[in-house]
């Protein structure tokens, strides 16, 4: 297991190139860089991304620079000029005479007196809540995650006590959702008792069937959002002091970083029942209300204007072959495909991405998009990208549990003749520009899209979900299975109105990724063939020459299957015309 605390802080590629800051602007900026990147020393010629920077750290750093230095940097400024000396010059130019300096977002002030008062749902919570309705296409499911661990010698009373400590500590583990579309934290709840299935002494086949039944029930669970709890921890007790821990979490109450906080603190309380942790200085309710107040800020209006311009020409979702209409599936069932890249393979890919000036997430996003483009036969489409963006409005914002997720609707445009590197850089430039305007959520953009086109646009159903940088490394790499000396048995996610969800996770230097899909939507075997092609593309990208090749060279067209005939589209003729015009605006009409 990787000993993360023992690793040295990130260092520049060549320590001999260090050049000290020369003036107060450069010294202030170097101090902020060192604080955000956890580096002992930052010099003028250091590159933000070479020192371990990524999009979420960039968001935090730009906020701190603007707040402390009275600057008006955008994320795009950092991405275009990631070297400290160049970024410092951007700050100097921004302070020029007559240049308007924006006031930083107002930090959160906690309101303990209103802690248990109802408060609004975030945009993503509204989308998840709406998606639970069975009347919605591919609805009737919750946004939800399931994990199952096989644990030797679990101290069940001690674990249950630790879990109840967590429930009392974190408000969103005591939340319910009201019929008026608000949420409310319960001041007190009963002691949580984990359901137990005693399978000891049963024949092996009977015990395995019981485990499968529990797995099936909890992995596709839709809990009543109006009742506590919106999670289930249950146990299957087997012979030889073996327990299976089944964990079901509703995404209405947690995001990816929250699951890491939950796992880390739960194990801290399990290891030391007398442990006392400081109470976070704000609640999720405080954050949500502060975020809603930002909607009256001028920057929100500017971002909304940016997205309103985009919706006029925003491409549709990938036009993947289907064998049935999504609305014909009454009970969506997700199937998981997964793979792991070794430390050596993943390190090699990350180093090549650095050499070609793209982030690891963008490299994988571009590879995923290449495969989608080949099967959908279109080079231009829009994907949903969850953004785990906890705005740094309070010092303790990274210590609380809640669903801070936002969405970006990223339009991908892949020119057939371009190299993989050129395509990745184009995707990255568009993504950074969109992140710069991410104060407006993708859910709001979908509403604008529906209004502009006069049709109900409820989702972009193909999702790229990268958690490579959504939390601090010490959180992102915490492994509950290792902490319990357990074996990972099964995991899966589901999201309403989603067809295909590609998720990434870095763990102990390895890359773990999976595709969760509703296979019955597609021709038999198609998603499996796409997944094989994606893996083949990643294997090719381990060689530097692949980055200068185009997709036709990396994934030969002869390997692509001819999909079964798709059903007749239910869209009206003018809607089909509009869809094609958006997908291929430069194509000849006749």
Protein backbone atom coordinates (compact mmCIF):
# COMPACT_ATOMS: atom_id res chain seq x y z
CA UNK A 1 0.00 0.00 0.00
CA UNK A 2 1.23 3.48 -0.89
CA UNK A 3 2.38 5.44 2.17
CA UNK A 4 1.04 8.83 1.07
CA UNK A 5 2.14 10.81 4.16
CA UNK A 6 5.70 9.58 3.71
CA UNK A 7 5.95 10.92 0.17
CA UNK A 8 7.83 14.19 -0.39
CA UNK A 9 5.97 17.31 -1.46
CA UNK A 10 5.74 17.89 -5.22
CA UNK A 11 8.88 19.34 -6.72
CA UNK A 12 9.63 21.09 -9.99
CA UNK A 13 10.99 18.94 -12.79
CA UNK A 14 14.44 20.47 -12.43
CA UNK A 15 15.25 21.90 -9.02
CA UNK A 16 18.29 23.76 -10.42
CA UNK A 17 16.02 26.12 -12.36
CA UNK A 18 14.65 27.75 -9.21
CA UNK A 19 14.52 31.54 -9.47
CA UNK A 20 13.29 33.49 -6.45
CA UNK A 21 10.43 36.02 -6.70
CA UNK A 22 11.68 39.57 -7.28
CA UNK A 23 8.90 41.83 -6.00
CA UNK A 24 5.89 41.82 -3.70
CA UNK A 25 3.44 40.66 -6.39
CA UNK A 26 5.59 37.65 -7.22
CA UNK A 27 6.23 36.89 -3.54
CA UNK A 28 2.51 36.98 -2.71
CA UNK A 29 1.71 34.74 -5.63
CA UNK A 30 4.48 32.28 -4.77
CA UNK A 31 3.15 32.08 -1.21
CA UNK A 32 -0.37 31.29 -2.45
CA UNK A 33 0.96 28.67 -4.87
CA UNK A 34 2.95 27.03 -2.09
CA UNK A 35 -0.11 27.01 0.17
CA UNK A 36 -2.45 25.51 -2.43
CA UNK A 37 0.02 23.03 -3.91
CA UNK A 38 1.63 22.20 -0.55
CA UNK A 39 5.13 22.95 -1.88
CA UNK A 40 7.94 24.17 0.34
CA UNK A 41 9.27 26.54 -2.31
CA UNK A 42 7.89 27.95 -5.57
CA UNK A 43 10.00 29.88 -8.06
CA UNK A 44 9.35 32.25 -10.95
CA UNK A 45 9.65 29.62 -13.67
CA UNK A 46 7.57 26.91 -12.00
CA UNK A 47 4.56 25.60 -13.89
CA UNK A 48 1.31 25.13 -11.96
CA UNK A 49 0.51 21.80 -13.61
CA UNK A 50 4.05 20.42 -13.29
CA UNK A 51 3.75 20.95 -9.53
CA UNK A 52 0.61 18.81 -9.34
CA UNK A 53 -2.04 21.42 -10.10
CA UNK A 54 -5.40 20.46 -11.56
CA UNK A 55 -8.71 22.15 -12.34
CA UNK A 56 -10.10 22.13 -8.79
CA UNK A 57 -6.89 23.40 -7.25
CA UNK A 58 -6.85 26.01 -10.01
CA UNK A 59 -10.33 27.17 -9.00
CA UNK A 60 -9.21 27.50 -5.40
CA UNK A 61 -5.98 29.27 -6.25
CA UNK A 62 -7.59 31.81 -8.57
CA UNK A 63 -10.12 32.61 -5.83
CA UNK A 64 -7.33 33.14 -3.28
CA UNK A 65 -5.28 35.32 -5.65
CA UNK A 66 -8.28 37.50 -6.41
CA UNK A 67 -9.26 37.73 -2.75
CA UNK A 68 -5.81 38.46 -1.30
CA UNK A 69 -4.26 40.45 -4.13
CA UNK A 70 -7.24 42.44 -5.40
CA UNK A 71 -6.84 40.81 -8.80
CA UNK A 72 -9.32 39.79 -11.46
CA UNK A 73 -7.85 36.58 -12.79
CA UNK A 74 -9.97 34.02 -14.60
CA UNK A 75 -9.34 30.30 -14.71
CA UNK A 76 -8.56 30.69 -18.39
CA UNK A 77 -5.75 33.09 -17.48
CA UNK A 78 -4.12 30.44 -15.32
CA UNK A 79 -4.60 27.69 -17.90
CA UNK A 80 -3.12 29.85 -20.67
CA UNK A 81 -0.24 31.20 -18.55
CA UNK A 82 0.53 28.50 -15.95
CA UNK A 83 4.07 29.75 -15.21
CA UNK A 84 4.28 31.92 -12.10
CA UNK A 85 6.19 34.83 -13.64
CA UNK A 86 3.69 35.08 -16.51
CA UNK A 87 0.69 34.86 -14.21
CA UNK A 88 2.15 37.58 -11.98
CA UNK A 89 2.34 39.82 -15.03
CA UNK A 90 -1.36 39.12 -15.70
CA UNK A 91 -2.12 40.36 -12.17
CA UNK A 92 -0.08 43.52 -12.74
CA UNK A 93 -1.93 44.24 -15.98
CA UNK A 94 -5.25 43.63 -14.24
CA UNK A 95 -4.41 46.28 -11.67
CA UNK A 96 -3.74 48.89 -14.33
CA UNK A 97 -5.31 52.31 -14.05
CA UNK A 98 -8.99 52.34 -14.89
CA UNK A 99 -9.32 48.54 -14.75
CA UNK A 100 -12.34 47.33 -12.80
CA UNK A 101 -11.42 45.01 -9.92
CA UNK A 102 -14.17 42.62 -8.88
CA UNK A 103 -14.97 42.15 -5.21
CA UNK A 104 -14.36 38.49 -4.22
CA UNK A 105 -17.37 36.37 -3.33
CA UNK A 106 -18.43 37.04 0.26
CA UNK A 107 -17.29 34.26 2.64
CA UNK A 108 -19.97 32.21 4.39
CA UNK A 109 -21.17 33.19 7.84
CA UNK A 110 -22.63 30.19 9.66
CA UNK A 111 -26.20 30.50 10.92
CA UNK A 112 -26.42 28.00 13.78
CA UNK A 113 -29.79 29.32 14.92
CA UNK A 114 -31.47 28.25 11.66
CA UNK A 115 -29.64 24.94 11.36
CA UNK A 116 -32.83 22.87 11.40
CA UNK A 117 -34.98 25.16 9.24
CA UNK A 118 -35.95 23.96 5.74
CA UNK A 119 -33.70 25.12 2.91
CA UNK A 120 -33.70 24.88 -0.91
CA UNK A 121 -32.35 22.04 -3.01
CA UNK A 122 -29.32 22.62 -5.19
CA UNK A 123 -29.80 22.35 -8.95
CA UNK A 124 -28.35 18.84 -9.04
CA UNK A 125 -30.49 17.73 -6.09
CA UNK A 126 -33.56 19.00 -7.94
CA UNK A 127 -32.55 16.96 -10.99
CA UNK A 128 -31.99 13.83 -8.90
CA UNK A 129 -35.27 14.34 -7.03
CA UNK A 130 -37.17 14.85 -10.29
CA UNK A 131 -35.50 11.77 -11.78
CA UNK A 132 -36.98 9.55 -9.06
CA UNK A 133 -40.39 9.99 -10.71
CA UNK A 134 -41.34 6.95 -12.78
CA UNK A 135 -43.12 9.19 -15.30
CA UNK A 136 -39.74 10.55 -16.46
CA UNK A 137 -37.87 8.77 -19.27
CA UNK A 138 -35.37 6.40 -17.60
CA UNK A 139 -36.57 7.74 -14.27
CA UNK A 140 -37.91 5.87 -11.30
CA UNK A 141 -34.36 5.35 -10.01
CA UNK A 142 -32.32 7.27 -7.49
CA UNK A 143 -28.87 8.70 -8.02
CA UNK A 144 -27.18 6.14 -5.88
CA UNK A 145 -24.01 4.21 -5.12
CA UNK A 146 -23.52 0.72 -3.71
CA UNK A 147 -20.40 -0.98 -2.35
CA UNK A 148 -19.94 -4.42 -0.81
CA UNK A 149 -16.97 -5.51 1.29
CA UNK A 150 -16.01 -8.94 2.69
CA UNK A 151 -14.53 -8.30 6.14
CA UNK A 152 -12.81 -10.74 8.54
CA UNK A 153 -13.36 -10.20 12.24
CA UNK A 154 -15.48 -7.05 12.13
CA UNK A 155 -16.36 -5.76 15.61
CA UNK A 156 -20.01 -5.11 14.81
CA UNK A 157 -21.06 -3.16 17.96
CA UNK A 158 -17.97 -0.98 17.69
CA UNK A 159 -18.57 -0.31 13.98
CA UNK A 160 -22.22 0.52 14.64
CA UNK A 161 -21.21 2.94 17.40
CA UNK A 162 -18.77 4.67 15.02
CA UNK A 163 -21.49 4.95 12.39
CA UNK A 164 -23.84 6.61 14.86
CA UNK A 165 -21.08 9.07 15.80
CA UNK A 166 -20.95 10.04 12.12
CA UNK A 167 -24.74 10.44 11.93
CA UNK A 168 -24.68 12.84 14.85
CA UNK A 169 -21.66 14.72 13.49
CA UNK A 170 -22.86 15.37 9.92
CA UNK A 171 -26.19 17.09 9.30
CA UNK A 172 -26.73 15.63 5.83
CA UNK A 173 -26.81 12.13 7.32
CA UNK A 174 -29.99 13.25 9.13
CA UNK A 175 -31.72 15.06 6.26
CA UNK A 176 -35.15 14.45 4.74
CA UNK A 177 -36.75 15.91 1.62
CA UNK A 178 -40.12 17.61 1.94
CA UNK A 179 -43.05 17.56 -0.45
CA UNK A 180 -42.69 21.32 -1.01
CA UNK A 181 -39.31 20.78 -2.70
CA UNK A 182 -37.11 21.73 0.25
CA UNK A 183 -34.83 19.70 2.51
CA UNK A 184 -34.57 19.73 6.28
CA UNK A 185 -32.04 18.42 8.77
CA UNK A 186 -33.56 16.53 11.69
CA UNK A 187 -32.25 17.67 15.05
CA UNK A 188 -32.37 14.16 16.47
CA UNK A 189 -32.87 10.68 15.02
CA UNK A 190 -33.10 7.21 16.59
CA UNK A 191 -29.95 5.19 17.07
CA UNK A 192 -29.19 3.50 13.75
CA UNK A 193 -29.20 -0.28 13.89
CA UNK A 194 -27.68 -2.08 10.93
CA UNK A 195 -29.97 -4.77 9.46
CA UNK A 196 -28.35 -8.18 9.81
CA UNK A 197 -28.80 -11.42 7.87
CA UNK A 198 -27.43 -14.41 9.76
CA UNK A 199 -26.22 -16.86 7.10
CA UNK A 200 -24.02 -18.91 9.42
CA UNK A 201 -24.51 -22.65 9.09
CA UNK A 202 -26.30 -22.43 5.74
CA UNK A 203 -25.16 -24.51 2.77
CA UNK A 204 -22.74 -22.58 0.56
CA UNK A 205 -25.22 -22.27 -2.31
CA UNK A 206 -27.96 -20.94 -0.03
CA UNK A 207 -25.60 -18.41 1.56
CA UNK A 208 -24.41 -17.22 -1.85
CA UNK A 209 -27.99 -16.80 -3.06
CA UNK A 210 -28.84 -14.77 0.03
CA UNK A 211 -25.82 -12.53 -0.59
CA UNK A 212 -26.88 -12.07 -4.21
CA UNK A 213 -30.42 -11.17 -3.14
CA UNK A 214 -29.14 -8.50 -0.75
CA UNK A 215 -26.74 -7.17 -3.40
CA UNK A 216 -29.53 -6.91 -5.95
CA UNK A 217 -31.89 -5.20 -3.52
CA UNK A 218 -29.45 -2.59 -2.26
CA UNK A 219 -27.53 -1.94 -5.48
CA UNK A 220 -30.65 -0.63 -7.22
CA UNK A 221 -32.34 0.83 -4.17
CA UNK A 222 -34.73 3.80 -4.28
CA UNK A 223 -35.13 4.98 -0.71
CA UNK A 224 -38.07 7.16 0.32
CA UNK A 225 -36.54 10.65 0.29
CA UNK A 226 -39.18 11.95 2.70
CA UNK A 227 -38.06 9.53 5.43
CA UNK A 228 -34.80 9.12 7.32
CA UNK A 229 -32.34 7.58 6.58
CA UNK A 230 -31.24 8.07 2.97
CA UNK A 231 -28.62 5.37 3.36
CA UNK A 232 -28.45 1.73 4.39
CA UNK A 233 -25.55 -0.09 6.01
CA UNK A 234 -26.40 -3.77 6.39
CA UNK A 235 -24.51 -6.93 7.33
CA UNK A 236 -24.54 -10.52 6.14
CA UNK A 237 -22.94 -12.73 8.79
CA UNK A 238 -21.06 -15.78 7.47
CA UNK A 239 -19.08 -18.62 9.02
CA UNK A 240 -15.50 -18.14 10.28
CA UNK A 241 -16.19 -14.60 11.57
CA UNK A 242 -16.64 -13.26 8.04
CA UNK A 243 -19.09 -10.41 7.42
CA UNK A 244 -20.27 -8.82 4.19
CA UNK A 245 -20.87 -5.10 4.67
CA UNK A 246 -23.42 -3.71 2.20
CA UNK A 247 -23.31 0.09 1.84
CA UNK A 248 -26.04 1.97 -0.01
CA UNK A 249 -25.80 5.78 -0.26
CA UNK A 250 -28.25 8.13 -1.95
CA UNK A 251 -26.50 10.87 -3.95
CA UNK A 252 -29.05 13.38 -2.73
CA UNK A 253 -26.95 13.60 0.43
CA UNK A 254 -23.35 12.86 -0.62
CA UNK A 255 -20.90 13.52 -3.42
CA UNK A 256 -17.65 11.69 -4.16
CA UNK A 257 -15.61 13.74 -1.69
CA UNK A 258 -18.28 13.20 0.97
CA UNK A 259 -17.95 9.43 0.68
CA UNK A 260 -14.24 9.82 1.38
CA UNK A 261 -14.93 12.03 4.41
CA UNK A 262 -17.48 9.48 5.61
CA UNK A 263 -15.08 6.56 5.21
CA UNK A 264 -12.09 8.32 6.77
CA UNK A 265 -13.90 9.66 9.83
CA UNK A 266 -15.92 6.47 10.29
CA UNK A 267 -12.71 4.46 10.50
CA UNK A 268 -11.16 7.03 12.85
CA UNK A 269 -14.09 6.58 15.26
CA UNK A 270 -13.92 2.79 14.80
CA UNK A 271 -10.21 2.77 15.64
CA UNK A 272 -10.67 5.06 18.66
CA UNK A 273 -14.20 5.19 20.14
CA UNK A 274 -13.10 8.00 22.48
CA UNK A 275 -11.86 10.22 19.65
CA UNK A 276 -13.13 13.81 19.60
CA UNK A 277 -13.03 15.74 16.33
CA UNK A 278 -13.58 19.51 16.04
CA UNK A 279 -17.03 20.42 14.78
CA UNK A 280 -17.04 21.97 11.27
CA UNK A 281 -17.62 25.71 11.31
CA UNK A 282 -20.44 25.62 8.78
CA UNK A 283 -23.25 23.37 7.58
CA UNK A 284 -24.34 22.27 4.13
CA UNK A 285 -27.38 24.52 4.62
CA UNK A 286 -25.07 27.52 5.12
CA UNK A 287 -23.26 26.67 1.89
CA UNK A 288 -26.42 26.20 -0.18
CA UNK A 289 -27.88 29.52 0.93
CA UNK A 290 -24.57 31.30 0.24
CA UNK A 291 -24.43 29.74 -3.22
CA UNK A 292 -27.97 30.90 -3.96
CA UNK A 293 -27.06 34.45 -2.94
CA UNK A 294 -24.35 34.40 -5.60
CA UNK A 295 -27.09 34.36 -8.23
CA UNK A 296 -27.58 38.07 -7.69
CA UNK A 297 -23.87 38.68 -8.30
CA UNK A 298 -22.81 40.24 -11.59
CA UNK A 299 -20.48 37.34 -12.33
CA UNK A 300 -23.43 34.96 -12.26
CA UNK A 301 -25.24 37.11 -14.83
CA UNK A 302 -22.12 37.18 -16.99
CA UNK A 303 -21.82 33.39 -16.81
CA UNK A 304 -25.51 33.00 -17.62
CA UNK A 305 -25.00 35.19 -20.68
CA UNK A 306 -22.12 32.97 -21.77
CA UNK A 307 -24.28 29.85 -21.59
CA UNK A 308 -27.27 31.48 -23.26
CA UNK A 309 -25.07 32.18 -26.26
CA UNK A 310 -23.90 28.55 -26.25
CA UNK A 311 -27.35 26.94 -26.14
CA UNK A 312 -28.24 28.36 -29.56
CA UNK A 313 -25.78 25.97 -31.20
CA UNK A 314 -25.07 23.38 -28.50
CA UNK A 315 -24.72 19.93 -30.05
CA UNK A 316 -27.02 17.07 -29.00
CA UNK A 317 -25.94 14.04 -27.00
CA UNK A 318 -24.01 11.28 -28.84
CA UNK A 319 -26.32 9.63 -31.35
CA UNK A 320 -25.57 6.08 -30.25
CA UNK A 321 -27.52 3.25 -31.92
CA UNK A 322 -30.54 2.16 -29.85
CA UNK A 323 -32.81 -0.86 -30.06
CA UNK A 324 -35.66 0.71 -28.10
CA UNK A 325 -36.86 4.10 -26.99
CA UNK A 326 -35.56 5.07 -23.52
CA UNK A 327 -39.08 5.84 -22.30
CA UNK A 328 -40.08 2.21 -23.00
CA UNK A 329 -37.81 0.96 -20.18
CA UNK A 330 -39.82 1.08 -16.98
CA UNK A 331 -37.11 -0.23 -14.62
CA UNK A 332 -33.60 0.73 -15.78
CA UNK A 333 -30.90 -1.72 -14.73
CA UNK A 334 -27.23 -0.75 -14.82
CA UNK A 335 -24.40 -3.13 -15.72
CA UNK A 336 -20.77 -2.44 -14.75
CA UNK A 337 -17.58 -2.97 -16.77
CA UNK A 338 -14.29 -2.07 -15.15
CA UNK A 339 -10.54 -2.16 -15.53
CA UNK A 340 -7.46 -1.19 -13.55
CA UNK A 341 -4.25 0.32 -14.91
CA UNK A 342 -1.13 -0.54 -12.95
CA UNK A 343 1.03 2.06 -11.23
CA UNK A 344 3.52 1.78 -14.09
CA UNK A 345 0.90 2.13 -16.84
CA UNK A 346 -0.89 5.03 -15.19
CA UNK A 347 2.35 6.84 -14.36
CA UNK A 348 3.39 6.48 -18.01
CA UNK A 349 0.11 7.91 -19.29
CA UNK A 350 0.26 10.81 -16.84
CA UNK A 351 3.83 11.64 -17.85
CA UNK A 352 2.91 11.60 -21.55
CA UNK A 353 -0.10 13.81 -20.84
CA UNK A 354 2.21 16.27 -19.07
CA UNK A 355 4.64 16.24 -21.99
CA UNK A 356 1.82 16.98 -24.44
CA UNK A 357 0.36 19.70 -22.16
CA UNK A 358 -2.98 18.12 -21.29
CA UNK A 359 -4.31 16.97 -17.93
CA UNK A 360 -4.80 13.25 -17.27
CA UNK A 361 -8.57 13.73 -17.03
CA UNK A 362 -8.68 15.46 -20.42
CA UNK A 363 -6.59 12.70 -21.97
CA UNK A 364 -9.12 10.09 -20.81
CA UNK A 365 -12.06 12.32 -21.73
CA UNK A 366 -10.72 12.68 -25.27
CA UNK A 367 -10.16 8.92 -25.60
CA UNK A 368 -13.72 8.29 -24.38
CA UNK A 369 -15.03 10.87 -26.85
CA UNK A 370 -13.12 9.25 -29.72
CA UNK A 371 -14.87 5.95 -29.08
CA UNK A 372 -18.27 7.65 -28.77
CA UNK A 373 -17.67 9.48 -32.05
CA UNK A 374 -16.88 6.26 -33.89
CA UNK A 375 -19.99 4.44 -32.72
CA UNK A 376 -22.34 7.41 -33.04
CA UNK A 377 -20.87 8.34 -36.43
CA UNK A 378 -20.75 12.01 -35.48
CA UNK A 379 -17.76 14.17 -34.51
CA UNK A 380 -19.71 16.73 -32.51
CA UNK A 381 -21.82 16.05 -29.43
CA UNK A 382 -22.37 17.12 -25.83
CA UNK A 383 -21.45 15.21 -22.67
CA UNK A 384 -22.39 15.72 -19.04
CA UNK A 385 -19.40 16.26 -16.76
CA UNK A 386 -20.00 16.30 -13.00
CA UNK A 387 -17.92 19.02 -11.37
CA UNK A 388 -17.09 18.49 -7.70
CA UNK A 389 -16.66 22.17 -7.05
CA UNK A 390 -16.72 23.20 -3.41
CA UNK A 391 -16.21 26.93 -3.70
CA UNK A 392 -13.69 28.06 -1.05
CA UNK A 393 -16.18 30.25 0.80
CA UNK A 394 -15.20 28.91 4.22
CA UNK A 395 -12.12 27.30 5.75
CA UNK A 396 -14.09 24.15 6.66
CA UNK A 397 -15.89 23.63 3.35
CA UNK A 398 -13.83 20.48 2.67
CA UNK A 399 -14.84 18.94 6.01
CA UNK A 400 -18.61 18.62 5.57
CA UNK A 401 -20.79 16.02 3.93
CA UNK A 402 -23.28 16.99 1.24
CA UNK A 403 -23.85 16.90 -2.50
CA UNK A 404 -21.80 19.80 -3.84
CA UNK A 405 -21.93 18.42 -7.38
CA UNK A 406 -22.54 20.68 -10.32
CA UNK A 407 -22.65 19.79 -14.01
CA UNK A 408 -20.89 21.12 -17.06
CA UNK A 409 -22.40 20.45 -20.48
CA UNK A 410 -19.24 20.05 -22.52
CA UNK A 411 -19.51 20.18 -26.28
CA UNK A 412 -16.88 17.98 -27.90
CA UNK A 413 -15.86 18.58 -31.52
CA UNK A 414 -13.41 16.08 -33.00
CA UNK A 415 -11.90 16.93 -36.37
CA UNK A 416 -11.21 13.68 -38.21
CA UNK A 417 -7.82 14.72 -39.62
CA UNK A 418 -6.39 16.08 -36.38
CA UNK A 419 -3.96 14.20 -34.15
CA UNK A 420 -5.01 12.87 -30.77
CA UNK A 421 -2.91 15.59 -29.11
CA UNK A 422 -4.58 18.38 -31.10
CA UNK A 423 -8.01 17.01 -30.28
CA UNK A 424 -7.17 16.72 -26.58
CA UNK A 425 -5.88 20.29 -26.45
CA UNK A 426 -9.03 21.56 -28.17
CA UNK A 427 -11.22 19.65 -25.69
CA UNK A 428 -9.14 21.05 -22.83
CA UNK A 429 -9.44 24.64 -24.04
CA UNK A 430 -13.23 24.34 -24.29
CA UNK A 431 -13.45 22.66 -20.88
CA UNK A 432 -11.39 25.35 -19.15
CA UNK A 433 -13.52 28.05 -20.73
CA UNK A 434 -16.67 26.31 -19.51
CA UNK A 435 -15.26 25.84 -16.00
CA UNK A 436 -14.60 29.59 -15.94
CA UNK A 437 -18.39 30.02 -16.18
CA UNK A 438 -19.39 27.07 -13.97
CA UNK A 439 -21.05 29.26 -11.34
CA UNK A 440 -24.10 28.55 -13.55
CA UNK A 441 -24.86 24.83 -13.31
CA UNK A 442 -25.46 22.50 -16.21
CA UNK A 443 -28.95 21.82 -14.86
CA UNK A 444 -29.76 25.51 -15.33
CA UNK A 445 -28.25 25.34 -18.84
CA UNK A 446 -30.54 22.40 -19.68
CA UNK A 447 -33.51 24.52 -18.62
CA UNK A 448 -32.29 27.33 -20.86
CA UNK A 449 -31.89 24.79 -23.67
CA UNK A 450 -35.47 23.59 -23.25
CA UNK A 451 -36.77 27.14 -23.27
CA UNK A 452 -34.73 28.18 -26.30
CA UNK A 453 -35.73 25.17 -28.42
CA UNK A 454 -39.25 24.71 -27.17
CA UNK A 455 -38.69 21.03 -26.33
CA UNK A 456 -38.20 19.27 -23.01
CA UNK A 457 -34.45 18.65 -22.64
CA UNK A 458 -34.09 16.86 -19.32
CA UNK A 459 -30.59 15.39 -19.59
CA UNK A 460 -27.48 14.75 -21.63
CA UNK A 461 -27.41 11.00 -20.96
CA UNK A 462 -23.73 10.17 -21.56
CA UNK A 463 -21.57 11.10 -18.56
CA UNK A 464 -17.82 11.43 -18.02
CA UNK A 465 -17.22 11.45 -14.28
CA UNK A 466 -13.61 12.07 -13.27
CA UNK A 467 -12.78 12.04 -9.57
CA UNK A 468 -9.03 12.20 -10.21
CA UNK A 469 -8.77 15.62 -8.60
CA UNK A 470 -12.01 16.23 -6.76
CA UNK A 471 -10.46 16.04 -3.31
CA UNK A 472 -7.18 16.50 -1.55
CA UNK A 473 -4.84 13.54 -2.21
CA UNK A 474 -5.00 12.38 1.39
CA UNK A 475 -8.80 12.12 1.06
CA UNK A 476 -8.96 10.85 -2.51
CA UNK A 477 -6.67 7.92 -1.75
CA UNK A 478 -8.35 6.70 1.45
CA UNK A 479 -9.45 3.11 0.92
CA UNK A 480 -12.15 1.76 3.24
CA UNK A 481 -11.44 -1.82 2.16
CA UNK A 482 -7.79 -1.53 3.17
CA UNK A 483 -8.70 0.13 6.46
CA UNK A 484 -10.92 -2.84 7.35
CA UNK A 485 -8.54 -5.44 5.88
CA UNK A 486 -11.44 -6.28 3.59
CA UNK A 487 -11.90 -7.65 0.10
CA UNK A 488 -13.87 -5.52 -2.34
CA UNK A 489 -16.73 -7.66 -3.69
CA UNK A 490 -18.97 -5.42 -5.78
CA UNK A 491 -19.85 -1.82 -6.50
CA UNK A 492 -22.11 0.04 -8.92
CA UNK A 493 -23.70 3.43 -9.42
CA UNK A 494 -26.94 4.47 -11.04
CA UNK A 495 -28.26 7.86 -12.09
CA UNK A 496 -31.71 8.75 -13.45
CA UNK A 497 -31.89 9.59 -17.16
CA UNK A 498 -28.33 8.40 -17.80
CA UNK A 499 -27.48 5.83 -20.49
CA UNK A 500 -23.74 5.47 -19.99
CA UNK A 501 -21.60 6.72 -17.08
CA UNK A 502 -17.80 6.54 -17.24
CA UNK A 503 -16.18 7.01 -13.80
CA UNK A 504 -12.49 7.38 -12.93
CA UNK A 505 -10.67 6.96 -9.63
CA UNK A 506 -6.98 7.04 -8.72
CA UNK A 507 -6.08 4.76 -5.82
CA UNK A 508 -2.60 4.11 -4.47
CA UNK A 509 -1.05 5.17 -7.77
CA UNK A 510 -3.32 2.97 -9.90
CA UNK A 511 -6.15 4.09 -12.18
CA UNK A 512 -9.49 2.38 -11.61
CA UNK A 513 -12.26 3.08 -14.09
CA UNK A 514 -15.64 1.69 -14.97
CA UNK A 515 -18.55 2.08 -17.35
CA UNK A 516 -22.05 1.74 -15.87
CA UNK A 517 -24.63 1.37 -18.63
CA UNK A 518 -28.22 0.39 -19.38
CA UNK A 519 -27.34 -2.38 -21.82
CA UNK A 520 -30.90 -3.11 -22.90
CA UNK A 521 -30.99 0.26 -24.67
CA UNK A 522 -28.30 -0.78 -27.14
CA UNK A 523 -27.63 -3.53 -29.69
CA UNK A 524 -26.45 -6.72 -28.00
CA UNK A 525 -22.74 -6.57 -27.27
CA UNK A 526 -22.28 -2.97 -28.43
CA UNK A 527 -21.25 -1.46 -25.10
CA UNK A 528 -18.84 -4.34 -24.52
CA UNK A 529 -17.25 -3.71 -27.93
CA UNK A 530 -16.98 0.00 -27.19
CA UNK A 531 -15.33 -0.74 -23.85
CA UNK A 532 -12.82 -3.07 -25.53
CA UNK A 533 -12.03 -0.36 -28.10
CA UNK A 534 -11.55 2.22 -25.34
CA UNK A 535 -9.13 -0.05 -23.52
CA UNK A 536 -7.24 -0.71 -26.76
CA UNK A 537 -6.94 3.04 -27.33
CA UNK A 538 -5.54 3.60 -23.83
CA UNK A 539 -3.01 0.83 -24.43
CA UNK A 540 -1.94 2.50 -27.69
CA UNK A 541 -1.53 5.84 -25.93
CA UNK A 542 1.22 4.33 -23.78
CA UNK A 543 3.44 4.87 -26.85
CA UNK A 544 4.38 8.51 -27.60
CA UNK A 545 3.88 8.11 -31.37
CA UNK A 546 0.16 7.41 -30.83
CA UNK A 547 -0.37 10.97 -29.66
CA UNK A 548 0.47 12.29 -33.13
CA UNK A 549 -1.82 9.80 -34.89
CA UNK A 550 -5.50 10.20 -35.65
CA UNK A 551 -8.28 7.93 -34.45
CA UNK A 552 -8.52 5.92 -37.67
CA UNK A 553 -4.95 4.77 -37.07
CA UNK A 554 -5.51 4.02 -33.38
CA UNK A 555 -8.87 2.23 -33.68
CA UNK A 556 -9.14 0.73 -37.19
CA UNK A 557 -12.62 1.18 -38.62
CA UNK A 558 -12.64 -2.43 -39.73
CA UNK A 559 -12.88 -3.45 -36.07
CA UNK A 560 -16.10 -1.54 -35.53
CA UNK A 561 -19.24 -3.67 -35.49
CA UNK A 562 -22.24 -2.87 -37.65
CA UNK A 563 -24.98 -2.22 -35.07
CA UNK A 564 -28.43 -3.68 -35.32
CA UNK A 565 -31.02 -1.44 -36.86
CA UNK A 566 -32.20 1.28 -34.52
CA UNK A 567 -35.93 1.81 -33.96
CA UNK A 568 -37.75 4.57 -35.73
CA UNK A 569 -37.05 7.82 -33.91
CA UNK A 570 -40.05 9.22 -32.06
CA UNK A 571 -39.03 12.82 -32.74
CA UNK A 572 -41.08 14.96 -35.12
CA UNK A 573 -39.66 15.84 -38.54
CA UNK A 574 -38.71 19.41 -37.64
CA UNK A 575 -37.02 18.15 -34.46
CA UNK A 576 -34.97 15.67 -36.50
CA UNK A 577 -33.97 18.48 -38.88
CA UNK A 578 -32.92 20.69 -35.98
CA UNK A 579 -30.97 17.84 -34.41
CA UNK A 580 -29.04 17.13 -37.62
CA UNK A 581 -28.34 20.82 -38.20
CA UNK A 582 -26.86 21.11 -34.73
CA UNK A 583 -24.82 17.91 -35.07
CA UNK A 584 -23.35 18.81 -38.49
CA UNK A 585 -23.83 22.54 -39.14
CA UNK A 586 -21.24 22.61 -41.95
CA UNK A 587 -22.64 19.66 -43.92
CA UNK A 588 -24.38 20.21 -47.26
CA UNK A 589 -28.16 20.27 -47.00
CA UNK A 590 -28.75 18.97 -50.53
